Amino acid sequence: MRKHLGPSQIPPHGAGLVNDLCSNHPNPYVNFHRPCFFSETITDAKGKECGRDRYEEMKTLYEKLKSIPYASQYLSPASPLNN
């Protein structure tokens, strides 16, 4: 949203409109085309867990969804991706 609104604060009377825009009108670029890291949890010799982002595991959200076995069980019945 900052790309569209700029770095200034959102006035209180406009917060509801911005929230509506963010929740009801998702950006297709963010949902399907923007690569994301998916952390893997690694446990060291002392038992401490830490997350590590590997460049090789960078995928778009759609690619990650397609890589999950039986992914359709996690989608709503009305989803256009549920084929």
C-alpha atoms as a PDB file:
ATOM      1  CA  MET A   1       0.000   0.000   0.000  1.00  0.00           C
ATOM      2  CA  ARG A   2       2.864   2.397   0.663  1.00  0.00           C
ATOM      3  CA  LYS A   3       3.602   2.339  -3.059  1.00  0.00           C
ATOM      4  CA  HIS A   4       0.203   3.914  -3.676  1.00  0.00           C
ATOM      5  CA  LEU A   5      -0.222   6.059  -0.546  1.00  0.00           C
ATOM      6  CA  GLY A   6       3.315   7.198   0.143  1.00  0.00           C
ATOM      7  CA  PRO A   7       5.177   7.272   3.464  1.00  0.00           C
ATOM      8  CA  SER A   8       2.805   9.618   5.313  1.00  0.00           C
ATOM      9  CA  GLN A   9       0.360   8.476   7.968  1.00  0.00           C
ATOM     10  CA  ILE A  10      -3.129   7.398   7.012  1.00  0.00           C
ATOM     11  CA  PRO A  11      -5.676   9.784   8.541  1.00  0.00           C
ATOM     12  CA  PRO A  12      -8.130   8.096  10.954  1.00  0.00           C
ATOM     13  CA  HIS A  13     -11.154   8.880   8.785  1.00  0.00           C
ATOM     14  CA  GLY A  14      -9.533   7.093   5.827  1.00  0.00           C
ATOM     15  CA  ALA A  15      -8.335   3.994   7.676  1.00  0.00           C
ATOM     16  CA  GLY A  16     -11.552   2.086   6.993  1.00  0.00           C
ATOM     17  CA  LEU A  17     -11.290   2.732   3.264  1.00  0.00           C
ATOM     18  CA  VAL A  18      -7.655   1.632   3.164  1.00  0.00           C
ATOM     19  CA  ASN A  19      -8.497  -1.509   5.139  1.00  0.00           C
ATOM     20  CA  ASP A  20     -11.340  -2.274   2.719  1.00  0.00           C
ATOM     21  CA  LEU A  21      -9.015  -1.786  -0.241  1.00  0.00           C
ATOM     22  CA  CYS A  22      -6.360  -4.083   1.224  1.00  0.00           C
ATOM     23  CA  SER A  23      -8.720  -6.871   2.230  1.00  0.00           C
ATOM     24  CA  ASN A  24     -11.252  -6.885  -0.623  1.00  0.00           C
ATOM     25  CA  HIS A  25      -9.102  -6.012  -3.639  1.00  0.00           C
ATOM     26  CA  PRO A  26      -5.931  -8.108  -3.512  1.00  0.00           C
ATOM     27  CA  ASN A  27      -3.116  -7.181  -5.803  1.00  0.00           C
ATOM     28  CA  PRO A  28      -2.562  -9.969  -8.384  1.00  0.00           C
ATOM     29  CA  TYR A  29       1.146  -9.148  -8.551  1.00  0.00           C
ATOM     30  CA  VAL A  30       1.615  -9.846  -4.858  1.00  0.00           C
ATOM     31  CA  ASN A  31      -0.512 -12.997  -4.921  1.00  0.00           C
ATOM     32  CA  PHE A  32       0.890 -14.698  -8.002  1.00  0.00           C
ATOM     33  CA  HIS A  33       4.059 -13.078  -9.317  1.00  0.00           C
ATOM     34  CA  ARG A  34       6.109 -11.716  -6.416  1.00  0.00           C
ATOM     35  CA  PRO A  35       8.743 -14.206  -5.186  1.00  0.00           C
ATOM     36  CA  CYS A  36       8.904 -14.932  -1.456  1.00  0.00           C
ATOM     37  CA  PHE A  37      11.287 -16.801   0.794  1.00  0.00           C
ATOM     38  CA  PHE A  38       9.902 -19.795   2.669  1.00  0.00           C
ATOM     39  CA  SER A  39      11.941 -20.388   5.815  1.00  0.00           C
ATOM     40  CA  GLU A  40      13.111 -23.791   6.873  1.00  0.00           C
ATOM     41  CA  THR A  41      13.654 -24.497  10.557  1.00  0.00           C
ATOM     42  CA  ILE A  42      17.078 -25.819  11.456  1.00  0.00           C
ATOM     43  CA  THR A  43      17.967 -27.218  14.879  1.00  0.00           C
ATOM     44  CA  ASP A  44      21.596 -26.875  15.936  1.00  0.00           C
ATOM     45  CA  ALA A  45      23.580 -29.218  18.199  1.00  0.00           C
ATOM     46  CA  LYS A  46      22.384 -27.399  21.341  1.00  0.00           C
ATOM     47  CA  GLY A  47      18.715 -27.837  20.381  1.00  0.00           C
ATOM     48  CA  LYS A  48      18.169 -24.208  19.425  1.00  0.00           C
ATOM     49  CA  GLU A  49      15.892 -23.703  16.434  1.00  0.00           C
ATOM     50  CA  CYS A  50      16.462 -20.959  13.915  1.00  0.00           C
ATOM     51  CA  GLY A  51      14.902 -20.117  10.590  1.00  0.00           C
ATOM     52  CA  ARG A  52      16.975 -19.991   7.463  1.00  0.00           C
ATOM     53  CA  ASP A  53      15.953 -18.545   4.112  1.00  0.00           C
ATOM     54  CA  ARG A  54      17.604 -20.248   1.176  1.00  0.00           C
ATOM     55  CA  TYR A  55      17.672 -18.588  -2.213  1.00  0.00           C
ATOM     56  CA  GLU A  56      16.920 -21.949  -3.856  1.00  0.00           C
ATOM     57  CA  GLU A  57      13.595 -22.133  -1.993  1.00  0.00           C
ATOM     58  CA  MET A  58      12.361 -18.764  -3.256  1.00  0.00           C
ATOM     59  CA  LYS A  59       9.007 -19.231  -5.014  1.00  0.00           C
ATOM     60  CA  THR A  60       5.894 -17.285  -5.809  1.00  0.00           C
ATOM     61  CA  LEU A  61       2.900 -18.018  -3.608  1.00  0.00           C
ATOM     62  CA  TYR A  62       1.200 -19.806  -6.484  1.00  0.00           C
ATOM     63  CA  GLU A  63       4.250 -22.018  -7.103  1.00  0.00           C
ATOM     64  CA  LYS A  64       4.348 -22.883  -3.403  1.00  0.00           C
ATOM     65  CA  LEU A  65       0.646 -23.749  -3.420  1.00  0.00           C
ATOM     66  CA  LYS A  66       1.120 -25.988  -6.447  1.00  0.00           C
ATOM     67  CA  SER A  67       4.027 -27.784  -4.718  1.00  0.00           C
ATOM     68  CA  ILE A  68       1.903 -28.831  -1.705  1.00  0.00           C
ATOM     69  CA  PRO A  69       0.440 -32.328  -2.074  1.00  0.00           C
ATOM     70  CA  TYR A  70      -3.368 -32.284  -2.040  1.00  0.00           C
ATOM     71  CA  ALA A  71      -3.379 -28.478  -1.879  1.00  0.00           C
ATOM     72  CA  SER A  72      -7.049 -28.324  -2.875  1.00  0.00           C
ATOM     73  CA  GLN A  73      -8.057 -29.418   0.630  1.00  0.00           C
ATOM     74  CA  TYR A  74      -6.749 -26.080   1.943  1.00  0.00           C
ATOM     75  CA  LEU A  75      -8.752 -23.970  -0.528  1.00  0.00           C
ATOM     76  CA  SER A  76     -12.330 -22.811  -0.115  1.00  0.00           C
ATOM     77  CA  PRO A  77     -14.864 -24.487  -2.423  1.00  0.00           C
ATOM     78  CA  ALA A  78     -15.501 -21.149  -4.158  1.00  0.00           C
ATOM     79  CA  SER A  79     -11.831 -20.566  -4.965  1.00  0.00           C
ATOM     80  CA  PRO A  80     -11.056 -20.266  -8.693  1.00  0.00           C
ATOM     81  CA  LEU A  81      -7.834 -22.203  -8.038  1.00  0.00           C
ATOM     82  CA  ASN A  82      -9.752 -25.188  -6.703  1.00  0.00           C
ATOM     83  CA  ASN A  83      -9.735 -27.472  -9.743  1.00  0.00           C
END
